[in-house]
């Protein structure tokens, strides 16, 4: 079976490449190979790879910068996704599209189900929601939308790498404690996406994260503790919890964006691992990489 992964250079794209199932012929493309803002590039990339399924892990993810670049965010996350969906539909290609917890406002007070009404607080979240709607609007397209949250990996720019850098630079690190979600290893998300790509069900929105719940402060404290145990953090650091109002950002973020993944778990036969266990695995990989 032939598959095309868009977003090859990102943390999730790399995980998809490492975890491609046996029998999958994967073509991994970055923007130079398939530009979501260029219809001709999309057509050329799809026709050259001739895949049965496309996994779109590419996105404009600069959440704060999107507030001052709404046209750019929309071009990639909404219009570009729509163009990809139309091209896949015209060719009979299944599309697996990755979306985000930021389509919700965090006010519900319980884990969000796939059918809960979205209400994004930011330009980024709104652009991702519009991308979802573009996918769903393509008549005859075989699609799956997988919403996830707080994705990290051994490489690339992500919260885990940022915290390790700050722990090496500062004796005190302040982290927001009143935003709650579920950290998610790119490796476990990649497994979910491959299962969605290969299963024979009908179009659906699915939620997937690692098991467990944490605030950003909880996550940072765990990175510090596990990093110290593995020798990745050399000196003692105080991790201090702060409120969102004490760390203002251009984009508003949901205060509670835990996702209900039970439908995806049941449908795809997943066994979510607790986020702290996956964190240890990623930190060991970082140590092995020497980075």
C-alpha atoms as a PDB file:
ATOM      1  CA  UNK A   1       0.000   0.000   0.000  1.00  0.00           C
ATOM      2  CA  UNK A   2       1.268   3.460  -0.867  1.00  0.00           C
ATOM      3  CA  UNK A   3       0.950   6.316   1.610  1.00  0.00           C
ATOM      4  CA  UNK A   4       1.948   9.966   1.486  1.00  0.00           C
ATOM      5  CA  UNK A   5       2.891  11.843   4.631  1.00  0.00           C
ATOM      6  CA  UNK A   6       2.845  15.636   4.473  1.00  0.00           C
ATOM      7  CA  UNK A   7       4.931  17.401   7.120  1.00  0.00           C
ATOM      8  CA  UNK A   8       7.972  15.167   6.811  1.00  0.00           C
ATOM      9  CA  UNK A   9      10.364  17.526   8.601  1.00  0.00           C
ATOM     10  CA  UNK A  10       8.194  18.016  11.684  1.00  0.00           C
ATOM     11  CA  UNK A  11       8.208  16.029  14.900  1.00  0.00           C
ATOM     12  CA  UNK A  12       5.073  14.106  13.950  1.00  0.00           C
ATOM     13  CA  UNK A  13       6.191  13.559  10.363  1.00  0.00           C
ATOM     14  CA  UNK A  14       9.418  11.988  11.568  1.00  0.00           C
ATOM     15  CA  UNK A  15       7.516   9.706  13.929  1.00  0.00           C
ATOM     16  CA  UNK A  16       5.236   8.627  11.083  1.00  0.00           C
ATOM     17  CA  UNK A  17       8.292   7.689   9.053  1.00  0.00           C
ATOM     18  CA  UNK A  18       9.873   5.714  11.882  1.00  0.00           C
ATOM     19  CA  UNK A  19       6.658   3.824  12.594  1.00  0.00           C
ATOM     20  CA  UNK A  20       5.363   3.073   9.119  1.00  0.00           C
ATOM     21  CA  UNK A  21       3.834  -0.433   9.258  1.00  0.00           C
ATOM     22  CA  UNK A  22       5.288  -3.299   7.274  1.00  0.00           C
ATOM     23  CA  UNK A  23       4.073  -3.294   3.707  1.00  0.00           C
ATOM     24  CA  UNK A  24       3.629   0.486   3.571  1.00  0.00           C
ATOM     25  CA  UNK A  25       5.492   2.359   0.849  1.00  0.00           C
ATOM     26  CA  UNK A  26       5.688   5.834   2.395  1.00  0.00           C
ATOM     27  CA  UNK A  27       6.464   9.000   0.469  1.00  0.00           C
ATOM     28  CA  UNK A  28       7.315  11.701   3.012  1.00  0.00           C
ATOM     29  CA  UNK A  29       7.079  15.248   1.689  1.00  0.00           C
ATOM     30  CA  UNK A  30       7.735  18.666   3.150  1.00  0.00           C
ATOM     31  CA  UNK A  31       6.629  21.999   1.718  1.00  0.00           C
ATOM     32  CA  UNK A  32       9.073  21.800  -1.178  1.00  0.00           C
ATOM     33  CA  UNK A  33       7.464  18.557  -2.329  1.00  0.00           C
ATOM     34  CA  UNK A  34       3.839  19.482  -1.669  1.00  0.00           C
ATOM     35  CA  UNK A  35       2.938  23.091  -0.918  1.00  0.00           C
ATOM     36  CA  UNK A  36      -0.544  23.336   0.587  1.00  0.00           C
ATOM     37  CA  UNK A  37      -0.877  26.900  -0.685  1.00  0.00           C
ATOM     38  CA  UNK A  38      -0.255  25.879  -4.321  1.00  0.00           C
ATOM     39  CA  UNK A  39      -2.877  23.781  -6.131  1.00  0.00           C
ATOM     40  CA  UNK A  40      -0.411  22.745  -8.829  1.00  0.00           C
ATOM     41  CA  UNK A  41       2.096  21.560  -6.214  1.00  0.00           C
ATOM     42  CA  UNK A  42      -0.612  19.517  -4.491  1.00  0.00           C
ATOM     43  CA  UNK A  43      -1.613  17.859  -7.755  1.00  0.00           C
ATOM     44  CA  UNK A  44       1.982  17.152  -8.710  1.00  0.00           C
ATOM     45  CA  UNK A  45       2.819  15.666  -5.305  1.00  0.00           C
ATOM     46  CA  UNK A  46      -0.231  13.413  -5.265  1.00  0.00           C
ATOM     47  CA  UNK A  47       0.160  12.260  -8.847  1.00  0.00           C
ATOM     48  CA  UNK A  48       3.859  11.469  -8.410  1.00  0.00           C
ATOM     49  CA  UNK A  49       3.324   9.448  -5.223  1.00  0.00           C
ATOM     50  CA  UNK A  50      -0.009   7.883  -6.294  1.00  0.00           C
ATOM     51  CA  UNK A  51      -0.960   7.050  -2.694  1.00  0.00           C
ATOM     52  CA  UNK A  52      -3.973   5.209  -1.372  1.00  0.00           C
ATOM     53  CA  UNK A  53      -3.946   7.390   1.745  1.00  0.00           C
ATOM     54  CA  UNK A  54      -2.553  10.802   2.714  1.00  0.00           C
ATOM     55  CA  UNK A  55      -1.695  11.684   6.315  1.00  0.00           C
ATOM     56  CA  UNK A  56      -1.580  15.457   6.662  1.00  0.00           C
ATOM     57  CA  UNK A  57       0.613  16.337   9.631  1.00  0.00           C
ATOM     58  CA  UNK A  58       1.516  19.757   8.221  1.00  0.00           C
ATOM     59  CA  UNK A  59       0.172  22.974   9.718  1.00  0.00           C
ATOM     60  CA  UNK A  60       0.912  26.556  10.572  1.00  0.00           C
ATOM     61  CA  UNK A  61       1.464  26.078  14.315  1.00  0.00           C
ATOM     62  CA  UNK A  62       2.844  29.443  15.495  1.00  0.00           C
ATOM     63  CA  UNK A  63      -0.108  30.039  17.810  1.00  0.00           C
ATOM     64  CA  UNK A  64       0.862  33.515  18.981  1.00  0.00           C
ATOM     65  CA  UNK A  65       2.253  34.742  15.673  1.00  0.00           C
ATOM     66  CA  UNK A  66      -0.991  33.744  13.986  1.00  0.00           C
ATOM     67  CA  UNK A  67      -2.708  36.606  15.809  1.00  0.00           C
ATOM     68  CA  UNK A  68      -0.711  39.039  13.658  1.00  0.00           C
ATOM     69  CA  UNK A  69      -0.576  36.756  10.588  1.00  0.00           C
ATOM     70  CA  UNK A  70      -4.177  35.547  10.230  1.00  0.00           C
ATOM     71  CA  UNK A  71      -4.002  35.378   6.440  1.00  0.00           C
ATOM     72  CA  UNK A  72      -0.946  33.119   6.578  1.00  0.00           C
ATOM     73  CA  UNK A  73      -2.532  30.818   9.160  1.00  0.00           C
ATOM     74  CA  UNK A  74      -5.726  30.603   7.109  1.00  0.00           C
ATOM     75  CA  UNK A  75      -3.848  29.963   3.867  1.00  0.00           C
ATOM     76  CA  UNK A  76      -2.168  26.858   5.294  1.00  0.00           C
ATOM     77  CA  UNK A  77      -4.593  25.529   7.911  1.00  0.00           C
ATOM     78  CA  UNK A  78      -7.888  26.247   6.156  1.00  0.00           C
ATOM     79  CA  UNK A  79      -7.628  27.037   2.440  1.00  0.00           C
ATOM     80  CA  UNK A  80      -4.627  24.752   1.966  1.00  0.00           C
ATOM     81  CA  UNK A  81      -6.303  21.863   3.741  1.00  0.00           C
ATOM     82  CA  UNK A  82      -9.402  22.423   1.632  1.00  0.00           C
ATOM     83  CA  UNK A  83      -7.341  22.273  -1.553  1.00  0.00           C
ATOM     84  CA  UNK A  84      -5.706  19.045  -0.377  1.00  0.00           C
ATOM     85  CA  UNK A  85      -9.107  17.566   0.488  1.00  0.00           C
ATOM     86  CA  UNK A  86     -10.511  18.408  -2.944  1.00  0.00           C
ATOM     87  CA  UNK A  87      -7.488  16.916  -4.677  1.00  0.00           C
ATOM     88  CA  UNK A  88      -7.694  13.729  -2.596  1.00  0.00           C
ATOM     89  CA  UNK A  89     -11.419  13.430  -3.221  1.00  0.00           C
ATOM     90  CA  UNK A  90     -10.984  13.804  -6.964  1.00  0.00           C
ATOM     91  CA  UNK A  91      -8.437  10.962  -6.951  1.00  0.00           C
ATOM     92  CA  UNK A  92     -10.205   8.603  -4.536  1.00  0.00           C
ATOM     93  CA  UNK A  93      -7.486   9.015  -1.893  1.00  0.00           C
ATOM     94  CA  UNK A  94      -8.301   8.652   1.801  1.00  0.00           C
ATOM     95  CA  UNK A  95      -7.268  11.714   3.857  1.00  0.00           C
ATOM     96  CA  UNK A  96      -6.187  11.541   7.494  1.00  0.00           C
ATOM     97  CA  UNK A  97      -6.010  15.110   8.793  1.00  0.00           C
ATOM     98  CA  UNK A  98      -4.481  16.136  12.129  1.00  0.00           C
ATOM     99  CA  UNK A  99      -6.272  18.843  14.102  1.00  0.00           C
ATOM    100  CA  UNK A 100      -6.078  20.318  17.582  1.00  0.00           C
ATOM    101  CA  UNK A 101      -7.645  20.807  20.999  1.00  0.00           C
ATOM    102  CA  UNK A 102      -7.511  24.547  20.261  1.00  0.00           C
ATOM    103  CA  UNK A 103     -10.823  24.269  18.397  1.00  0.00           C
ATOM    104  CA  UNK A 104     -12.388  24.318  21.896  1.00  0.00           C
ATOM    105  CA  UNK A 105     -12.525  27.175  24.410  1.00  0.00           C
ATOM    106  CA  UNK A 106     -11.891  25.092  27.537  1.00  0.00           C
ATOM    107  CA  UNK A 107     -15.072  26.091  29.363  1.00  0.00           C
ATOM    108  CA  UNK A 108     -16.852  22.714  29.343  1.00  0.00           C
ATOM    109  CA  UNK A 109     -15.342  21.300  32.533  1.00  0.00           C
ATOM    110  CA  UNK A 110     -15.150  17.704  31.288  1.00  0.00           C
ATOM    111  CA  UNK A 111     -13.191  15.947  28.531  1.00  0.00           C
ATOM    112  CA  UNK A 112     -14.327  17.118  25.113  1.00  0.00           C
ATOM    113  CA  UNK A 113     -16.106  14.574  22.953  1.00  0.00           C
ATOM    114  CA  UNK A 114     -15.669  14.659  19.176  1.00  0.00           C
ATOM    115  CA  UNK A 115     -19.238  15.910  18.722  1.00  0.00           C
ATOM    116  CA  UNK A 116     -19.028  18.739  21.259  1.00  0.00           C
ATOM    117  CA  UNK A 117     -19.552  22.173  19.658  1.00  0.00           C
ATOM    118  CA  UNK A 118     -16.208  23.849  18.916  1.00  0.00           C
ATOM    119  CA  UNK A 119     -15.505  27.426  19.947  1.00  0.00           C
ATOM    120  CA  UNK A 120     -11.906  28.484  19.278  1.00  0.00           C
ATOM    121  CA  UNK A 121     -10.371  31.377  21.195  1.00  0.00           C
ATOM    122  CA  UNK A 122      -7.520  32.147  18.801  1.00  0.00           C
ATOM    123  CA  UNK A 123      -6.771  32.751  15.140  1.00  0.00           C
ATOM    124  CA  UNK A 124      -4.837  29.484  15.103  1.00  0.00           C
ATOM    125  CA  UNK A 125      -7.764  27.534  16.549  1.00  0.00           C
ATOM    126  CA  UNK A 126     -10.215  29.172  14.148  1.00  0.00           C
ATOM    127  CA  UNK A 127      -8.006  28.365  11.156  1.00  0.00           C
ATOM    128  CA  UNK A 128      -7.741  24.722  12.218  1.00  0.00           C
ATOM    129  CA  UNK A 129     -11.497  24.491  12.702  1.00  0.00           C
ATOM    130  CA  UNK A 130     -12.075  25.900   9.226  1.00  0.00           C
ATOM    131  CA  UNK A 131      -9.660  23.279   7.882  1.00  0.00           C
ATOM    132  CA  UNK A 132     -11.750  20.559   9.529  1.00  0.00           C
ATOM    133  CA  UNK A 133     -14.874  21.938   7.912  1.00  0.00           C
ATOM    134  CA  UNK A 134     -13.202  22.065   4.520  1.00  0.00           C
ATOM    135  CA  UNK A 135     -12.360  18.363   4.838  1.00  0.00           C
ATOM    136  CA  UNK A 136     -15.899  17.438   5.883  1.00  0.00           C
ATOM    137  CA  UNK A 137     -17.402  19.470   3.034  1.00  0.00           C
ATOM    138  CA  UNK A 138     -15.805  17.390   0.256  1.00  0.00           C
ATOM    139  CA  UNK A 139     -18.513  15.113  -1.101  1.00  0.00           C
ATOM    140  CA  UNK A 140     -17.353  11.531  -1.525  1.00  0.00           C
ATOM    141  CA  UNK A 141     -14.048  12.039   0.310  1.00  0.00           C
ATOM    142  CA  UNK A 142     -12.989   9.211   2.644  1.00  0.00           C
ATOM    143  CA  UNK A 143     -11.640  11.189   5.599  1.00  0.00           C
ATOM    144  CA  UNK A 144     -10.661  10.960   9.248  1.00  0.00           C
ATOM    145  CA  UNK A 145      -9.915  14.005  11.404  1.00  0.00           C
ATOM    146  CA  UNK A 146      -7.780  13.262  14.458  1.00  0.00           C
ATOM    147  CA  UNK A 147      -7.654  15.990  17.096  1.00  0.00           C
ATOM    148  CA  UNK A 148      -4.760  15.863  19.508  1.00  0.00           C
ATOM    149  CA  UNK A 149      -2.924  18.061  22.025  1.00  0.00           C
ATOM    150  CA  UNK A 150       0.441  19.029  23.495  1.00  0.00           C
ATOM    151  CA  UNK A 151       2.543  16.967  21.069  1.00  0.00           C
ATOM    152  CA  UNK A 152       6.254  16.537  21.764  1.00  0.00           C
ATOM    153  CA  UNK A 153       9.142  14.418  20.480  1.00  0.00           C
ATOM    154  CA  UNK A 154      12.887  13.883  20.994  1.00  0.00           C
ATOM    155  CA  UNK A 155      13.689  16.318  18.186  1.00  0.00           C
ATOM    156  CA  UNK A 156      12.408  19.648  16.947  1.00  0.00           C
ATOM    157  CA  UNK A 157      10.890  22.623  18.731  1.00  0.00           C
ATOM    158  CA  UNK A 158       8.514  21.520  21.483  1.00  0.00           C
ATOM    159  CA  UNK A 159       7.768  22.028  25.173  1.00  0.00           C
ATOM    160  CA  UNK A 160      10.054  19.259  26.422  1.00  0.00           C
ATOM    161  CA  UNK A 161      13.079  20.581  24.539  1.00  0.00           C
ATOM    162  CA  UNK A 162      12.281  24.136  25.629  1.00  0.00           C
ATOM    163  CA  UNK A 163      12.086  23.147  29.296  1.00  0.00           C
ATOM    164  CA  UNK A 164      15.387  21.261  29.148  1.00  0.00           C
ATOM    165  CA  UNK A 165      17.024  24.352  27.654  1.00  0.00           C
ATOM    166  CA  UNK A 166      15.560  26.631  30.329  1.00  0.00           C
ATOM    167  CA  UNK A 167      16.616  24.254  33.107  1.00  0.00           C
ATOM    168  CA  UNK A 168      20.189  24.559  31.819  1.00  0.00           C
ATOM    169  CA  UNK A 169      20.016  28.355  31.740  1.00  0.00           C
ATOM    170  CA  UNK A 170      18.039  29.420  34.819  1.00  0.00           C
ATOM    171  CA  UNK A 171      17.792  28.555  38.517  1.00  0.00           C
ATOM    172  CA  UNK A 172      14.058  29.286  38.496  1.00  0.00           C
ATOM    173  CA  UNK A 173      11.523  28.534  35.770  1.00  0.00           C
ATOM    174  CA  UNK A 174       7.936  29.806  35.984  1.00  0.00           C
ATOM    175  CA  UNK A 175       5.247  27.774  34.250  1.00  0.00           C
ATOM    176  CA  UNK A 176       1.498  28.244  33.862  1.00  0.00           C
ATOM    177  CA  UNK A 177      -0.459  25.987  36.217  1.00  0.00           C
ATOM    178  CA  UNK A 178      -4.070  26.773  35.288  1.00  0.00           C
ATOM    179  CA  UNK A 179      -4.124  25.396  31.748  1.00  0.00           C
ATOM    180  CA  UNK A 180      -4.872  21.672  31.759  1.00  0.00           C
ATOM    181  CA  UNK A 181      -4.600  19.076  29.012  1.00  0.00           C
ATOM    182  CA  UNK A 182      -2.867  15.822  28.085  1.00  0.00           C
ATOM    183  CA  UNK A 183       0.756  15.703  26.884  1.00  0.00           C
ATOM    184  CA  UNK A 184       1.095  13.457  23.841  1.00  0.00           C
ATOM    185  CA  UNK A 185       4.157  11.715  22.466  1.00  0.00           C
ATOM    186  CA  UNK A 186       4.502  12.023  18.697  1.00  0.00           C
ATOM    187  CA  UNK A 187       5.219   8.287  18.628  1.00  0.00           C
ATOM    188  CA  UNK A 188       1.894   7.328  20.195  1.00  0.00           C
ATOM    189  CA  UNK A 189       0.042   9.792  17.969  1.00  0.00           C
ATOM    190  CA  UNK A 190       1.765   8.326  14.903  1.00  0.00           C
ATOM    191  CA  UNK A 191       0.518   4.869  15.889  1.00  0.00           C
ATOM    192  CA  UNK A 192      -3.026   6.225  16.115  1.00  0.00           C
ATOM    193  CA  UNK A 193      -2.747   7.891  12.702  1.00  0.00           C
ATOM    194  CA  UNK A 194      -1.460   4.752  11.012  1.00  0.00           C
ATOM    195  CA  UNK A 195      -4.327   2.760  12.505  1.00  0.00           C
ATOM    196  CA  UNK A 196      -6.780   5.361  11.217  1.00  0.00           C
ATOM    197  CA  UNK A 197      -5.127   5.227   7.805  1.00  0.00           C
ATOM    198  CA  UNK A 198      -5.473   1.456   7.562  1.00  0.00           C
ATOM    199  CA  UNK A 199      -8.870   0.836   9.172  1.00  0.00           C
ATOM    200  CA  UNK A 200     -11.973   0.313   7.101  1.00  0.00           C
ATOM    201  CA  UNK A 201     -14.501   2.473   8.913  1.00  0.00           C
ATOM    202  CA  UNK A 202     -16.515   5.463   7.822  1.00  0.00           C
ATOM    203  CA  UNK A 203     -15.495   9.155   8.002  1.00  0.00           C
ATOM    204  CA  UNK A 204     -15.264  10.445  11.565  1.00  0.00           C
ATOM    205  CA  UNK A 205     -13.699  12.961  13.916  1.00  0.00           C
ATOM    206  CA  UNK A 206     -11.572  11.169  16.505  1.00  0.00           C
ATOM    207  CA  UNK A 207      -9.714  12.395  19.583  1.00  0.00           C
ATOM    208  CA  UNK A 208      -6.381  10.997  20.707  1.00  0.00           C
ATOM    209  CA  UNK A 209      -3.828  11.914  23.374  1.00  0.00           C
ATOM    210  CA  UNK A 210      -1.726   9.980  25.823  1.00  0.00           C
ATOM    211  CA  UNK A 211      -3.485   8.849  28.998  1.00  0.00           C
ATOM    212  CA  UNK A 212      -3.652  11.108  32.024  1.00  0.00           C
ATOM    213  CA  UNK A 213      -4.099  14.809  32.635  1.00  0.00           C
ATOM    214  CA  UNK A 214      -1.634  17.554  33.582  1.00  0.00           C
ATOM    215  CA  UNK A 215      -1.186  21.291  33.747  1.00  0.00           C
ATOM    216  CA  UNK A 216       1.769  22.840  31.961  1.00  0.00           C
ATOM    217  CA  UNK A 217       3.338  23.211  35.412  1.00  0.00           C
ATOM    218  CA  UNK A 218       2.795  19.503  36.150  1.00  0.00           C
ATOM    219  CA  UNK A 219       4.357  18.642  32.810  1.00  0.00           C
ATOM    220  CA  UNK A 220       7.346  20.912  33.424  1.00  0.00           C
ATOM    221  CA  UNK A 221       7.886  19.530  36.931  1.00  0.00           C
ATOM    222  CA  UNK A 222       7.838  15.989  35.532  1.00  0.00           C
ATOM    223  CA  UNK A 223      10.359  16.944  32.830  1.00  0.00           C
ATOM    224  CA  UNK A 224      12.602  18.339  35.549  1.00  0.00           C
ATOM    225  CA  UNK A 225      12.305  15.288  37.811  1.00  0.00           C
ATOM    226  CA  UNK A 226      12.733  12.720  35.052  1.00  0.00           C
ATOM    227  CA  UNK A 227      15.450  14.799  33.403  1.00  0.00           C
ATOM    228  CA  UNK A 228      17.406  14.975  36.664  1.00  0.00           C
ATOM    229  CA  UNK A 229      17.128  11.209  37.094  1.00  0.00           C
ATOM    230  CA  UNK A 230      18.538  10.686  33.592  1.00  0.00           C
ATOM    231  CA  UNK A 231      21.318  13.253  33.916  1.00  0.00           C
ATOM    232  CA  UNK A 232      19.777  15.649  31.398  1.00  0.00           C
ATOM    233  CA  UNK A 233      19.353  18.349  34.060  1.00  0.00           C
ATOM    234  CA  UNK A 234      22.592  18.903  35.940  1.00  0.00           C
ATOM    235  CA  UNK A 235      21.770  21.589  38.499  1.00  0.00           C
ATOM    236  CA  UNK A 236      18.812  22.047  40.864  1.00  0.00           C
ATOM    237  CA  UNK A 237      16.036  24.199  39.430  1.00  0.00           C
ATOM    238  CA  UNK A 238      12.916  25.523  41.109  1.00  0.00           C
ATOM    239  CA  UNK A 239       9.820  25.118  38.945  1.00  0.00           C
ATOM    240  CA  UNK A 240       7.291  27.729  40.067  1.00  0.00           C
ATOM    241  CA  UNK A 241       3.563  27.573  39.237  1.00  0.00           C
ATOM    242  CA  UNK A 242       2.002  30.782  37.936  1.00  0.00           C
ATOM    243  CA  UNK A 243      -1.390  31.869  36.623  1.00  0.00           C
ATOM    244  CA  UNK A 244      -2.163  32.479  32.968  1.00  0.00           C
ATOM    245  CA  UNK A 245      -2.705  36.163  33.753  1.00  0.00           C
ATOM    246  CA  UNK A 246       0.913  36.351  34.920  1.00  0.00           C
ATOM    247  CA  UNK A 247       2.158  35.069  31.558  1.00  0.00           C
ATOM    248  CA  UNK A 248       0.237  37.074  28.946  1.00  0.00           C
ATOM    249  CA  UNK A 249       0.403  35.888  25.336  1.00  0.00           C
ATOM    250  CA  UNK A 250      -1.087  37.314  22.130  1.00  0.00           C
ATOM    251  CA  UNK A 251      -3.314  34.245  21.648  1.00  0.00           C
ATOM    252  CA  UNK A 252      -5.829  33.062  24.218  1.00  0.00           C
ATOM    253  CA  UNK A 253      -5.592  29.385  25.115  1.00  0.00           C
ATOM    254  CA  UNK A 254      -8.204  26.970  26.463  1.00  0.00           C
ATOM    255  CA  UNK A 255      -7.933  26.487  30.216  1.00  0.00           C
ATOM    256  CA  UNK A 256      -9.157  22.872  30.050  1.00  0.00           C
ATOM    257  CA  UNK A 257      -8.703  21.013  26.776  1.00  0.00           C
ATOM    258  CA  UNK A 258      -8.674  17.372  27.835  1.00  0.00           C
ATOM    259  CA  UNK A 259     -10.002  15.251  24.957  1.00  0.00           C
ATOM    260  CA  UNK A 260     -12.287  12.220  25.318  1.00  0.00           C
ATOM    261  CA  UNK A 261     -10.457   9.546  23.347  1.00  0.00           C
ATOM    262  CA  UNK A 262     -12.712   6.599  24.166  1.00  0.00           C
ATOM    263  CA  UNK A 263     -14.337   6.421  20.698  1.00  0.00           C
ATOM    264  CA  UNK A 264     -10.910   6.320  19.019  1.00  0.00           C
ATOM    265  CA  UNK A 265      -9.590   3.780  21.520  1.00  0.00           C
ATOM    266  CA  UNK A 266     -12.542   1.468  20.902  1.00  0.00           C
ATOM    267  CA  UNK A 267     -12.625   1.942  17.142  1.00  0.00           C
ATOM    268  CA  UNK A 268      -8.899   1.605  16.480  1.00  0.00           C
ATOM    269  CA  UNK A 269      -7.942  -0.859  19.213  1.00  0.00           C
ATOM    270  CA  UNK A 270      -5.603   1.600  20.913  1.00  0.00           C
ATOM    271  CA  UNK A 271      -4.008   1.189  24.326  1.00  0.00           C
ATOM    272  CA  UNK A 272      -3.039   4.685  25.487  1.00  0.00           C
ATOM    273  CA  UNK A 273       0.042   4.899  27.691  1.00  0.00           C
ATOM    274  CA  UNK A 274       0.226   7.423  30.535  1.00  0.00           C
ATOM    275  CA  UNK A 275       1.947  10.609  29.447  1.00  0.00           C
ATOM    276  CA  UNK A 276       4.631  10.358  32.137  1.00  0.00           C
ATOM    277  CA  UNK A 277       5.735   6.928  30.917  1.00  0.00           C
ATOM    278  CA  UNK A 278       6.007   8.227  27.365  1.00  0.00           C
ATOM    279  CA  UNK A 279       7.887  11.262  28.666  1.00  0.00           C
ATOM    280  CA  UNK A 280      10.534   8.961  30.154  1.00  0.00           C
ATOM    281  CA  UNK A 281      10.881   7.201  26.800  1.00  0.00           C
ATOM    282  CA  UNK A 282      11.343  10.486  24.956  1.00  0.00           C
ATOM    283  CA  UNK A 283      13.866  11.776  27.495  1.00  0.00           C
ATOM    284  CA  UNK A 284      15.880   8.572  27.128  1.00  0.00           C
ATOM    285  CA  UNK A 285      15.889   9.132  23.372  1.00  0.00           C
ATOM    286  CA  UNK A 286      17.110  12.693  23.874  1.00  0.00           C
ATOM    287  CA  UNK A 287      19.921  11.387  26.061  1.00  0.00           C
ATOM    288  CA  UNK A 288      20.859   8.814  23.426  1.00  0.00           C
ATOM    289  CA  UNK A 289      20.877  11.512  20.761  1.00  0.00           C
ATOM    290  CA  UNK A 290      23.222  13.539  22.940  1.00  0.00           C
ATOM    291  CA  UNK A 291      21.164  16.640  22.281  1.00  0.00           C
END
